[in-house]
Amino acid sequence: MDQTPAPASAPSEIPQGWYPDEQRPGFERWWNGLIWSSATHKAPRWSGNYERSYWPGMNASARTGLLVGRFALAAAFVPRFVALLLPEDGDIQVALAIIAGFATLALILAAVAISYAVKGLKSAPIYGGRGAAGWAIGFSGLATLWALSQLAFVIALH
């Protein structure tokens, strides 16, 4: 299937959605109402327990895990920059409290991201999103390691 538009009557006759890909048996291609897109995925195996997504892309759990994993990674690295902005004669306890707070936030976000990513991995064979869930786990793992090192730093200086 190519990127060529369909005949003028087709957009009103065929609604947008996933349709069997004629070039790849067992796959579906997204029809946006005007042209065939390059987005494809494996055709779902229906069990009746899943609602089908009608938009191209990864499943919602994998997408949520990826987003929360990015926030966890950001929360883990924020204390470094905050500590740099504090004046040299400032109270060390304030800096340690900021570092501990953001490290704790990063650990909580990483746990949430991993739970969404695991759920996304379970539904990836049907909806896709295995790569996004993997990245979410990677971001969360890195955030966890960095946050734990920050907490060890706080404990050592306290």
C-alpha atoms as a PDB file:
ATOM      1  CA  MET A   1       0.000   0.000   0.000  1.00  0.00           C
ATOM      2  CA  ASP A   2       1.360   3.372  -0.853  1.00  0.00           C
ATOM      3  CA  GLN A   3       0.819   6.920   0.283  1.00  0.00           C
ATOM      4  CA  THR A   4      -1.409   7.735  -2.707  1.00  0.00           C
ATOM      5  CA  PRO A   5      -4.813   9.162  -1.978  1.00  0.00           C
ATOM      6  CA  ALA A   6      -7.876   7.060  -2.608  1.00  0.00           C
ATOM      7  CA  PRO A   7     -10.515   8.017  -5.176  1.00  0.00           C
ATOM      8  CA  ALA A   8     -12.700  10.979  -4.266  1.00  0.00           C
ATOM      9  CA  SER A   9     -15.609   8.784  -3.210  1.00  0.00           C
ATOM     10  CA  ALA A  10     -13.524   6.625  -0.835  1.00  0.00           C
ATOM     11  CA  PRO A  11     -13.141   9.019   2.135  1.00  0.00           C
ATOM     12  CA  SER A  12     -16.876   9.185   2.645  1.00  0.00           C
ATOM     13  CA  GLU A  13     -17.293   5.428   2.136  1.00  0.00           C
ATOM     14  CA  ILE A  14     -14.428   4.082   4.254  1.00  0.00           C
ATOM     15  CA  PRO A  15     -14.038   5.462   7.801  1.00  0.00           C
ATOM     16  CA  GLN A  16     -10.593   5.889   9.283  1.00  0.00           C
ATOM     17  CA  GLY A  17      -9.245   2.898  11.131  1.00  0.00           C
ATOM     18  CA  TRP A  18      -7.086  -0.219  10.976  1.00  0.00           C
ATOM     19  CA  TYR A  19      -7.567  -2.470   7.940  1.00  0.00           C
ATOM     20  CA  PRO A  20      -5.825  -5.661   6.760  1.00  0.00           C
ATOM     21  CA  ASP A  21      -2.570  -4.858   4.981  1.00  0.00           C
ATOM     22  CA  GLU A  22      -2.650  -6.397   1.503  1.00  0.00           C
ATOM     23  CA  GLN A  23       1.157  -6.448   1.278  1.00  0.00           C
ATOM     24  CA  ARG A  24       1.773  -8.101   4.679  1.00  0.00           C
ATOM     25  CA  PRO A  25      -0.612 -10.888   5.694  1.00  0.00           C
ATOM     26  CA  GLY A  26      -1.240 -10.879   9.438  1.00  0.00           C
ATOM     27  CA  PHE A  27      -0.680  -7.114   9.695  1.00  0.00           C
ATOM     28  CA  GLU A  28      -2.945  -4.091   9.600  1.00  0.00           C
ATOM     29  CA  ARG A  29      -2.338  -0.619   8.163  1.00  0.00           C
ATOM     30  CA  TRP A  30      -3.904   2.681   9.312  1.00  0.00           C
ATOM     31  CA  TRP A  31      -6.309   4.408   6.909  1.00  0.00           C
ATOM     32  CA  ASN A  32      -6.738   8.068   7.938  1.00  0.00           C
ATOM     33  CA  GLY A  33      -9.753   8.652   5.729  1.00  0.00           C
ATOM     34  CA  LEU A  34      -7.709  10.080   2.845  1.00  0.00           C
ATOM     35  CA  ILE A  35      -4.520   8.021   2.422  1.00  0.00           C
ATOM     36  CA  TRP A  36      -2.875   4.896   3.796  1.00  0.00           C
ATOM     37  CA  SER A  37      -0.279   5.793   6.411  1.00  0.00           C
ATOM     38  CA  SER A  38       3.027   4.023   7.021  1.00  0.00           C
ATOM     39  CA  ALA A  39       1.809   2.899  10.479  1.00  0.00           C
ATOM     40  CA  THR A  40       1.373  -0.878  10.655  1.00  0.00           C
ATOM     41  CA  HIS A  41       1.072  -3.436  13.413  1.00  0.00           C
ATOM     42  CA  LYS A  42       0.310  -7.108  13.859  1.00  0.00           C
ATOM     43  CA  ALA A  43      -3.351  -7.888  13.479  1.00  0.00           C
ATOM     44  CA  PRO A  44      -4.873  -8.499  16.926  1.00  0.00           C
ATOM     45  CA  ARG A  45      -5.848 -11.945  18.089  1.00  0.00           C
ATOM     46  CA  TRP A  46      -9.312 -11.423  19.449  1.00  0.00           C
ATOM     47  CA  SER A  47     -10.182 -12.971  22.764  1.00  0.00           C
ATOM     48  CA  GLY A  48     -13.100 -10.706  23.599  1.00  0.00           C
ATOM     49  CA  ASN A  49     -11.405  -9.343  26.735  1.00  0.00           C
ATOM     50  CA  TYR A  50      -9.753  -6.339  25.096  1.00  0.00           C
ATOM     51  CA  GLU A  51     -11.039  -3.097  23.730  1.00  0.00           C
ATOM     52  CA  ARG A  52      -9.359  -2.317  20.460  1.00  0.00           C
ATOM     53  CA  SER A  53      -7.490   0.938  19.984  1.00  0.00           C
ATOM     54  CA  TYR A  54      -8.427   2.748  16.794  1.00  0.00           C
ATOM     55  CA  TRP A  55      -5.460   5.120  16.792  1.00  0.00           C
ATOM     56  CA  PRO A  56      -2.004   4.205  15.537  1.00  0.00           C
ATOM     57  CA  GLY A  57       0.810   3.886  18.022  1.00  0.00           C
ATOM     58  CA  MET A  58       1.673   2.147  21.259  1.00  0.00           C
ATOM     59  CA  ASN A  59      -0.781   0.972  23.888  1.00  0.00           C
ATOM     60  CA  ALA A  60      -1.873   3.377  26.614  1.00  0.00           C
ATOM     61  CA  SER A  61      -0.072   1.594  29.461  1.00  0.00           C
ATOM     62  CA  ALA A  62       3.255   1.618  27.635  1.00  0.00           C
ATOM     63  CA  ARG A  63       2.768   5.283  26.702  1.00  0.00           C
ATOM     64  CA  THR A  64       1.931   6.202  30.325  1.00  0.00           C
ATOM     65  CA  GLY A  65       4.894   4.219  31.634  1.00  0.00           C
ATOM     66  CA  LEU A  66       7.209   6.004  29.216  1.00  0.00           C
ATOM     67  CA  LEU A  67       5.912   9.438  30.229  1.00  0.00           C
ATOM     68  CA  VAL A  68       6.101   8.738  33.974  1.00  0.00           C
ATOM     69  CA  GLY A  69       9.547   7.157  33.520  1.00  0.00           C
ATOM     70  CA  ARG A  70      10.787  10.362  31.908  1.00  0.00           C
ATOM     71  CA  PHE A  71       9.434  12.375  34.839  1.00  0.00           C
ATOM     72  CA  ALA A  72      11.131   9.987  37.278  1.00  0.00           C
ATOM     73  CA  LEU A  73      14.448  10.476  35.503  1.00  0.00           C
ATOM     74  CA  ALA A  74      14.004  14.250  35.555  1.00  0.00           C
ATOM     75  CA  ALA A  75      13.082  14.219  39.252  1.00  0.00           C
ATOM     76  CA  ALA A  76      16.191  12.176  40.013  1.00  0.00           C
ATOM     77  CA  PHE A  77      18.507  14.694  38.318  1.00  0.00           C
ATOM     78  CA  VAL A  78      16.855  17.940  39.485  1.00  0.00           C
ATOM     79  CA  PRO A  79      18.593  18.027  42.914  1.00  0.00           C
ATOM     80  CA  ARG A  80      21.994  18.304  41.251  1.00  0.00           C
ATOM     81  CA  PHE A  81      20.984  21.537  39.580  1.00  0.00           C
ATOM     82  CA  VAL A  82      19.155  22.877  42.623  1.00  0.00           C
ATOM     83  CA  ALA A  83      22.197  22.254  44.815  1.00  0.00           C
ATOM     84  CA  LEU A  84      24.351  24.172  42.335  1.00  0.00           C
ATOM     85  CA  LEU A  85      22.046  27.189  42.590  1.00  0.00           C
ATOM     86  CA  LEU A  86      22.203  27.421  46.374  1.00  0.00           C
ATOM     87  CA  PRO A  87      24.663  29.960  47.772  1.00  0.00           C
ATOM     88  CA  GLU A  88      27.927  28.557  49.129  1.00  0.00           C
ATOM     89  CA  ASP A  89      27.240  29.940  52.594  1.00  0.00           C
ATOM     90  CA  GLY A  90      23.705  28.456  52.578  1.00  0.00           C
ATOM     91  CA  ASP A  91      22.420  25.917  55.033  1.00  0.00           C
ATOM     92  CA  ILE A  92      23.542  22.405  54.082  1.00  0.00           C
ATOM     93  CA  GLN A  93      20.399  20.976  55.696  1.00  0.00           C
ATOM     94  CA  VAL A  94      18.226  22.757  53.120  1.00  0.00           C
ATOM     95  CA  ALA A  95      20.242  21.281  50.267  1.00  0.00           C
ATOM     96  CA  LEU A  96      20.067  17.806  51.805  1.00  0.00           C
ATOM     97  CA  ALA A  97      16.302  18.109  52.300  1.00  0.00           C
ATOM     98  CA  ILE A  98      15.837  19.131  48.649  1.00  0.00           C
ATOM     99  CA  ILE A  99      17.986  16.240  47.444  1.00  0.00           C
ATOM    100  CA  ALA A 100      16.156  13.733  49.670  1.00  0.00           C
ATOM    101  CA  GLY A 101      12.734  15.029  48.627  1.00  0.00           C
ATOM    102  CA  PHE A 102      13.418  14.816  44.908  1.00  0.00           C
ATOM    103  CA  ALA A 103      15.105  11.422  45.271  1.00  0.00           C
ATOM    104  CA  THR A 104      12.023  10.100  47.072  1.00  0.00           C
ATOM    105  CA  LEU A 105       9.763  11.560  44.392  1.00  0.00           C
ATOM    106  CA  ALA A 106      11.911   9.923  41.705  1.00  0.00           C
ATOM    107  CA  LEU A 107      11.635   6.534  43.433  1.00  0.00           C
ATOM    108  CA  ILE A 108       7.844   6.807  43.658  1.00  0.00           C
ATOM    109  CA  LEU A 109       7.537   7.863  40.011  1.00  0.00           C
ATOM    110  CA  ALA A 110       9.888   5.074  38.933  1.00  0.00           C
ATOM    111  CA  ALA A 111       7.746   2.490  40.731  1.00  0.00           C
ATOM    112  CA  VAL A 112       4.601   3.823  39.034  1.00  0.00           C
ATOM    113  CA  ALA A 113       6.324   3.872  35.636  1.00  0.00           C
ATOM    114  CA  ILE A 114       7.531   0.297  36.013  1.00  0.00           C
ATOM    115  CA  SER A 115       4.042  -0.905  36.945  1.00  0.00           C
ATOM    116  CA  TYR A 116       2.564   0.757  33.836  1.00  0.00           C
ATOM    117  CA  ALA A 117       5.407  -0.548  31.672  1.00  0.00           C
ATOM    118  CA  VAL A 118       4.871  -4.132  32.850  1.00  0.00           C
ATOM    119  CA  LYS A 119       1.164  -3.801  32.093  1.00  0.00           C
ATOM    120  CA  GLY A 120       2.115  -2.372  28.684  1.00  0.00           C
ATOM    121  CA  LEU A 121       4.432  -5.323  28.019  1.00  0.00           C
ATOM    122  CA  LYS A 122       1.613  -7.747  28.784  1.00  0.00           C
ATOM    123  CA  SER A 123      -0.679  -6.124  26.220  1.00  0.00           C
ATOM    124  CA  ALA A 124       2.079  -5.415  23.665  1.00  0.00           C
ATOM    125  CA  PRO A 125       1.449  -8.564  21.583  1.00  0.00           C
ATOM    126  CA  ILE A 126      -2.039  -7.275  20.847  1.00  0.00           C
ATOM    127  CA  TYR A 127      -1.646  -3.495  20.782  1.00  0.00           C
ATOM    128  CA  GLY A 128       2.089  -2.920  20.266  1.00  0.00           C
ATOM    129  CA  GLY A 129       4.301  -0.797  22.490  1.00  0.00           C
ATOM    130  CA  ARG A 130       6.991  -3.271  23.524  1.00  0.00           C
ATOM    131  CA  GLY A 131       9.753  -0.747  22.739  1.00  0.00           C
ATOM    132  CA  ALA A 132       8.099   2.069  24.689  1.00  0.00           C
ATOM    133  CA  ALA A 133       7.602  -0.193  27.687  1.00  0.00           C
ATOM    134  CA  GLY A 134      11.257  -1.203  27.497  1.00  0.00           C
ATOM    135  CA  TRP A 135      12.377   2.421  27.421  1.00  0.00           C
ATOM    136  CA  ALA A 136      10.083   3.161  30.376  1.00  0.00           C
ATOM    137  CA  ILE A 137      11.733   0.390  32.386  1.00  0.00           C
ATOM    138  CA  GLY A 138      15.169   1.667  31.359  1.00  0.00           C
ATOM    139  CA  PHE A 139      14.411   5.265  32.335  1.00  0.00           C
ATOM    140  CA  SER A 140      12.902   4.096  35.617  1.00  0.00           C
ATOM    141  CA  GLY A 141      15.868   1.870  36.393  1.00  0.00           C
ATOM    142  CA  LEU A 142      18.302   4.708  35.762  1.00  0.00           C
ATOM    143  CA  ALA A 143      16.185   7.059  37.879  1.00  0.00           C
ATOM    144  CA  THR A 144      16.087   4.482  40.678  1.00  0.00           C
ATOM    145  CA  LEU A 145      19.862   4.020  40.676  1.00  0.00           C
ATOM    146  CA  TRP A 146      20.510   7.758  40.623  1.00  0.00           C
ATOM    147  CA  ALA A 147      17.921   8.471  43.326  1.00  0.00           C
ATOM    148  CA  LEU A 148      19.371   5.770  45.577  1.00  0.00           C
ATOM    149  CA  SER A 149      22.847   7.217  45.125  1.00  0.00           C
ATOM    150  CA  GLN A 150      21.474  10.642  46.074  1.00  0.00           C
ATOM    151  CA  LEU A 151      19.838   9.199  49.197  1.00  0.00           C
ATOM    152  CA  ALA A 152      23.121   7.474  50.135  1.00  0.00           C
ATOM    153  CA  PHE A 153      24.837  10.859  49.731  1.00  0.00           C
ATOM    154  CA  VAL A 154      22.286  12.502  52.062  1.00  0.00           C
ATOM    155  CA  ILE A 155      22.664   9.756  54.657  1.00  0.00           C
ATOM    156  CA  ALA A 156      26.458   9.989  54.525  1.00  0.00           C
ATOM    157  CA  LEU A 157      26.420  13.781  55.086  1.00  0.00           C
ATOM    158  CA  HIS A 158      23.695  13.723  57.693  1.00  0.00           C
END
